[in-house]
């Protein structure tokens, strides 16, 4: 197994868990907050998509598919406080854009020279390009852990 194979496995594992948790939730359920002040899932998914786009661009400039017009403005720290579904994308749109960004990430990983994976990014939480790619799976997993709690609050059985 190569380094790129291991990174792809980590990204794919994070995707499998995240998409499993999102699969049966409704648009309305994506706005459930587990506790006051916590972000709802819709905002978190938009944040993850925006983050994935930005990290892929940092790792391999010009490789991420552009986000839809207005997407970034819907998913800012300020909008995280809104509970109005009109302020955000639908679940269907989120999953479509997430899949597009993931395809860009995986293509960038497949096309990058492995020697570049050790290059510094200047980012404390992802100090190398390899770490940027690794974060694409672990960031989604971190948020999926929050979704597991919300799913239980909504009466769903554990999936994993």
C-alpha atoms as a PDB file:
ATOM      1  CA  UNK A   1       0.000   0.000   0.000  1.00  0.00           C
ATOM      2  CA  UNK A   2       1.302   3.427  -0.905  1.00  0.00           C
ATOM      3  CA  UNK A   3       0.963   6.587   1.146  1.00  0.00           C
ATOM      4  CA  UNK A   4      -1.657   7.826  -1.311  1.00  0.00           C
ATOM      5  CA  UNK A   5      -3.557   4.539  -0.957  1.00  0.00           C
ATOM      6  CA  UNK A   6      -3.578   4.942   2.844  1.00  0.00           C
ATOM      7  CA  UNK A   7      -4.780   8.535   2.575  1.00  0.00           C
ATOM      8  CA  UNK A   8      -7.560   7.503   0.197  1.00  0.00           C
ATOM      9  CA  UNK A   9      -8.599   4.730   2.597  1.00  0.00           C
ATOM     10  CA  UNK A  10      -8.841   7.245   5.462  1.00  0.00           C
ATOM     11  CA  UNK A  11     -10.856   9.657   3.310  1.00  0.00           C
ATOM     12  CA  UNK A  12     -13.172   6.867   2.119  1.00  0.00           C
ATOM     13  CA  UNK A  13     -13.690   5.592   5.687  1.00  0.00           C
ATOM     14  CA  UNK A  14     -14.692   9.043   6.893  1.00  0.00           C
ATOM     15  CA  UNK A  15     -17.069   9.365   3.960  1.00  0.00           C
ATOM     16  CA  UNK A  16     -18.680   5.985   4.633  1.00  0.00           C
ATOM     17  CA  UNK A  17     -19.461   6.889   8.258  1.00  0.00           C
ATOM     18  CA  UNK A  18     -20.610  10.448   7.492  1.00  0.00           C
ATOM     19  CA  UNK A  19     -22.880   9.447   4.622  1.00  0.00           C
ATOM     20  CA  UNK A  20     -24.270   6.588   6.724  1.00  0.00           C
ATOM     21  CA  UNK A  21     -25.282   9.020   9.451  1.00  0.00           C
ATOM     22  CA  UNK A  22     -26.780  11.497   6.985  1.00  0.00           C
ATOM     23  CA  UNK A  23     -28.561   8.941   4.818  1.00  0.00           C
ATOM     24  CA  UNK A  24     -31.947   8.680   6.524  1.00  0.00           C
ATOM     25  CA  UNK A  25     -32.153  12.153   8.071  1.00  0.00           C
ATOM     26  CA  UNK A  26     -34.725  14.541   6.650  1.00  0.00           C
ATOM     27  CA  UNK A  27     -34.116  18.151   5.709  1.00  0.00           C
ATOM     28  CA  UNK A  28     -35.968  19.210   8.864  1.00  0.00           C
ATOM     29  CA  UNK A  29     -33.890  16.895  11.059  1.00  0.00           C
ATOM     30  CA  UNK A  30     -30.696  18.486   9.730  1.00  0.00           C
ATOM     31  CA  UNK A  31     -31.709  21.576  11.749  1.00  0.00           C
ATOM     32  CA  UNK A  32     -31.900  19.782  15.114  1.00  0.00           C
ATOM     33  CA  UNK A  33     -29.461  21.225  17.643  1.00  0.00           C
ATOM     34  CA  UNK A  34     -28.302  18.821  20.357  1.00  0.00           C
ATOM     35  CA  UNK A  35     -27.962  21.696  22.828  1.00  0.00           C
ATOM     36  CA  UNK A  36     -28.408  25.484  22.636  1.00  0.00           C
ATOM     37  CA  UNK A  37     -25.411  27.083  20.966  1.00  0.00           C
ATOM     38  CA  UNK A  38     -24.399  23.913  19.102  1.00  0.00           C
ATOM     39  CA  UNK A  39     -24.422  23.941  15.325  1.00  0.00           C
ATOM     40  CA  UNK A  40     -27.086  22.027  13.427  1.00  0.00           C
ATOM     41  CA  UNK A  41     -26.067  19.354  10.937  1.00  0.00           C
ATOM     42  CA  UNK A  42     -27.019  21.376   7.869  1.00  0.00           C
ATOM     43  CA  UNK A  43     -24.558  24.105   8.819  1.00  0.00           C
ATOM     44  CA  UNK A  44     -21.886  21.553   9.748  1.00  0.00           C
ATOM     45  CA  UNK A  45     -22.141  19.806   6.378  1.00  0.00           C
ATOM     46  CA  UNK A  46     -21.878  23.133   4.560  1.00  0.00           C
ATOM     47  CA  UNK A  47     -18.849  23.998   6.698  1.00  0.00           C
ATOM     48  CA  UNK A  48     -17.263  20.631   5.869  1.00  0.00           C
ATOM     49  CA  UNK A  49     -17.832  21.141   2.147  1.00  0.00           C
ATOM     50  CA  UNK A  50     -16.357  24.650   2.262  1.00  0.00           C
ATOM     51  CA  UNK A  51     -13.404  23.371   4.275  1.00  0.00           C
ATOM     52  CA  UNK A  52     -12.795  20.465   1.911  1.00  0.00           C
ATOM     53  CA  UNK A  53     -12.831  22.805  -1.051  1.00  0.00           C
ATOM     54  CA  UNK A  54     -10.354  25.176   0.603  1.00  0.00           C
ATOM     55  CA  UNK A  55      -8.007  22.414   1.801  1.00  0.00           C
ATOM     56  CA  UNK A  56      -7.975  20.721  -1.606  1.00  0.00           C
ATOM     57  CA  UNK A  57      -7.138  24.050  -3.214  1.00  0.00           C
ATOM     58  CA  UNK A  58      -4.316  24.551  -0.710  1.00  0.00           C
ATOM     59  CA  UNK A  59      -2.956  21.063  -1.431  1.00  0.00           C
ATOM     60  CA  UNK A  60      -3.324  21.284  -5.196  1.00  0.00           C
ATOM     61  CA  UNK A  61      -4.222  24.772  -6.481  1.00  0.00           C
ATOM     62  CA  UNK A  62      -6.822  24.798  -9.237  1.00  0.00           C
ATOM     63  CA  UNK A  63      -7.976  21.217  -8.612  1.00  0.00           C
ATOM     64  CA  UNK A  64     -11.202  21.745  -6.621  1.00  0.00           C
ATOM     65  CA  UNK A  65     -14.453  22.221  -8.478  1.00  0.00           C
ATOM     66  CA  UNK A  66     -15.784  25.725  -7.805  1.00  0.00           C
ATOM     67  CA  UNK A  67     -18.523  25.875  -5.194  1.00  0.00           C
ATOM     68  CA  UNK A  68     -21.967  27.013  -6.369  1.00  0.00           C
ATOM     69  CA  UNK A  69     -22.504  30.765  -6.395  1.00  0.00           C
ATOM     70  CA  UNK A  70     -23.404  32.008  -2.913  1.00  0.00           C
ATOM     71  CA  UNK A  71     -22.518  28.747  -1.181  1.00  0.00           C
ATOM     72  CA  UNK A  72     -19.707  30.138   0.983  1.00  0.00           C
ATOM     73  CA  UNK A  73     -21.917  32.990   2.169  1.00  0.00           C
ATOM     74  CA  UNK A  74     -24.508  30.517   3.471  1.00  0.00           C
ATOM     75  CA  UNK A  75     -21.997  28.725   5.701  1.00  0.00           C
ATOM     76  CA  UNK A  76     -20.154  31.294   7.799  1.00  0.00           C
ATOM     77  CA  UNK A  77     -19.734  31.502  11.574  1.00  0.00           C
ATOM     78  CA  UNK A  78     -22.459  34.178  11.559  1.00  0.00           C
ATOM     79  CA  UNK A  79     -24.994  32.033   9.684  1.00  0.00           C
ATOM     80  CA  UNK A  80     -24.454  29.117  12.086  1.00  0.00           C
ATOM     81  CA  UNK A  81     -26.915  30.778  14.475  1.00  0.00           C
ATOM     82  CA  UNK A  82     -29.793  30.710  11.972  1.00  0.00           C
ATOM     83  CA  UNK A  83     -32.504  28.069  12.163  1.00  0.00           C
ATOM     84  CA  UNK A  84     -34.219  29.237   8.977  1.00  0.00           C
ATOM     85  CA  UNK A  85     -33.949  26.567   6.253  1.00  0.00           C
ATOM     86  CA  UNK A  86     -34.244  29.320   3.613  1.00  0.00           C
ATOM     87  CA  UNK A  87     -30.775  30.516   4.679  1.00  0.00           C
ATOM     88  CA  UNK A  88     -29.148  27.210   3.700  1.00  0.00           C
ATOM     89  CA  UNK A  89     -29.003  24.538   1.012  1.00  0.00           C
ATOM     90  CA  UNK A  90     -31.315  21.538   0.970  1.00  0.00           C
ATOM     91  CA  UNK A  91     -29.964  18.136   1.952  1.00  0.00           C
ATOM     92  CA  UNK A  92     -30.086  17.083  -1.700  1.00  0.00           C
ATOM     93  CA  UNK A  93     -27.949  20.041  -2.761  1.00  0.00           C
ATOM     94  CA  UNK A  94     -25.518  19.575   0.130  1.00  0.00           C
ATOM     95  CA  UNK A  95     -24.954  15.920  -0.746  1.00  0.00           C
ATOM     96  CA  UNK A  96     -24.507  16.759  -4.434  1.00  0.00           C
ATOM     97  CA  UNK A  97     -21.934  19.473  -3.709  1.00  0.00           C
ATOM     98  CA  UNK A  98     -20.214  17.248  -1.136  1.00  0.00           C
ATOM     99  CA  UNK A  99     -19.864  14.487  -3.736  1.00  0.00           C
ATOM    100  CA  UNK A 100     -18.458  16.966  -6.270  1.00  0.00           C
ATOM    101  CA  UNK A 101     -15.900  18.262  -3.799  1.00  0.00           C
ATOM    102  CA  UNK A 102     -14.949  14.741  -2.733  1.00  0.00           C
ATOM    103  CA  UNK A 103     -14.403  13.775  -6.371  1.00  0.00           C
ATOM    104  CA  UNK A 104     -12.099  16.803  -6.724  1.00  0.00           C
ATOM    105  CA  UNK A 105     -10.213  15.815  -3.568  1.00  0.00           C
ATOM    106  CA  UNK A 106      -9.705  12.240  -4.697  1.00  0.00           C
ATOM    107  CA  UNK A 107      -8.613  13.346  -8.171  1.00  0.00           C
ATOM    108  CA  UNK A 108      -6.126  15.798  -6.640  1.00  0.00           C
ATOM    109  CA  UNK A 109      -4.772  13.037  -4.400  1.00  0.00           C
ATOM    110  CA  UNK A 110      -4.467  10.608  -7.303  1.00  0.00           C
ATOM    111  CA  UNK A 111      -2.616  13.172  -9.401  1.00  0.00           C
ATOM    112  CA  UNK A 112      -0.239  14.585  -6.802  1.00  0.00           C
ATOM    113  CA  UNK A 113       3.405  13.551  -6.763  1.00  0.00           C
ATOM    114  CA  UNK A 114       3.969  11.656  -3.493  1.00  0.00           C
ATOM    115  CA  UNK A 115       7.093  13.751  -2.832  1.00  0.00           C
ATOM    116  CA  UNK A 116       4.809  16.796  -2.431  1.00  0.00           C
ATOM    117  CA  UNK A 117       2.959  15.188   0.486  1.00  0.00           C
ATOM    118  CA  UNK A 118       5.799  16.189   2.833  1.00  0.00           C
ATOM    119  CA  UNK A 119       5.758  19.857   1.803  1.00  0.00           C
ATOM    120  CA  UNK A 120       4.892  22.347   4.534  1.00  0.00           C
ATOM    121  CA  UNK A 121       1.547  24.147   4.410  1.00  0.00           C
ATOM    122  CA  UNK A 122       2.134  26.697   7.150  1.00  0.00           C
ATOM    123  CA  UNK A 123      -1.111  25.530   8.774  1.00  0.00           C
ATOM    124  CA  UNK A 124      -0.744  24.441  12.405  1.00  0.00           C
ATOM    125  CA  UNK A 125      -3.506  21.809  12.350  1.00  0.00           C
ATOM    126  CA  UNK A 126      -2.365  20.369   8.980  1.00  0.00           C
ATOM    127  CA  UNK A 127       1.371  21.050   8.702  1.00  0.00           C
ATOM    128  CA  UNK A 128       1.983  19.108   5.465  1.00  0.00           C
ATOM    129  CA  UNK A 129       0.114  18.527   2.227  1.00  0.00           C
ATOM    130  CA  UNK A 130      -0.281  14.901   3.296  1.00  0.00           C
ATOM    131  CA  UNK A 131      -1.907  16.116   6.513  1.00  0.00           C
ATOM    132  CA  UNK A 132      -4.326  18.237   4.442  1.00  0.00           C
ATOM    133  CA  UNK A 133      -5.475  15.126   2.620  1.00  0.00           C
ATOM    134  CA  UNK A 134      -5.693  13.131   5.857  1.00  0.00           C
ATOM    135  CA  UNK A 135      -7.866  15.848   7.360  1.00  0.00           C
ATOM    136  CA  UNK A 136     -10.416  15.350   4.568  1.00  0.00           C
ATOM    137  CA  UNK A 137     -11.489  12.093   6.221  1.00  0.00           C
ATOM    138  CA  UNK A 138     -10.919  12.905   9.897  1.00  0.00           C
ATOM    139  CA  UNK A 139     -12.716  16.258   9.793  1.00  0.00           C
ATOM    140  CA  UNK A 140     -15.873  14.580   8.512  1.00  0.00           C
ATOM    141  CA  UNK A 141     -15.490  11.850  11.154  1.00  0.00           C
ATOM    142  CA  UNK A 142     -15.175  14.411  13.933  1.00  0.00           C
ATOM    143  CA  UNK A 143     -18.460  16.019  12.938  1.00  0.00           C
ATOM    144  CA  UNK A 144     -20.102  12.641  12.357  1.00  0.00           C
ATOM    145  CA  UNK A 145     -19.454  11.898  16.033  1.00  0.00           C
ATOM    146  CA  UNK A 146     -21.686  14.853  16.851  1.00  0.00           C
ATOM    147  CA  UNK A 147     -24.314  13.566  14.447  1.00  0.00           C
ATOM    148  CA  UNK A 148     -24.381  10.228  16.281  1.00  0.00           C
ATOM    149  CA  UNK A 149     -25.655  12.086  19.369  1.00  0.00           C
ATOM    150  CA  UNK A 150     -28.268  13.961  17.348  1.00  0.00           C
ATOM    151  CA  UNK A 151     -29.399  10.721  15.724  1.00  0.00           C
ATOM    152  CA  UNK A 152     -29.950   9.174  19.171  1.00  0.00           C
ATOM    153  CA  UNK A 153     -31.893  12.264  20.279  1.00  0.00           C
ATOM    154  CA  UNK A 154     -34.080  11.804  17.197  1.00  0.00           C
ATOM    155  CA  UNK A 155     -34.777   8.175  18.158  1.00  0.00           C
ATOM    156  CA  UNK A 156     -32.479   6.522  15.600  1.00  0.00           C
ATOM    157  CA  UNK A 157     -30.615   3.311  16.434  1.00  0.00           C
ATOM    158  CA  UNK A 158     -26.822   3.249  16.343  1.00  0.00           C
ATOM    159  CA  UNK A 159     -25.391   2.462  12.907  1.00  0.00           C
ATOM    160  CA  UNK A 160     -21.777   1.668  13.692  1.00  0.00           C
END
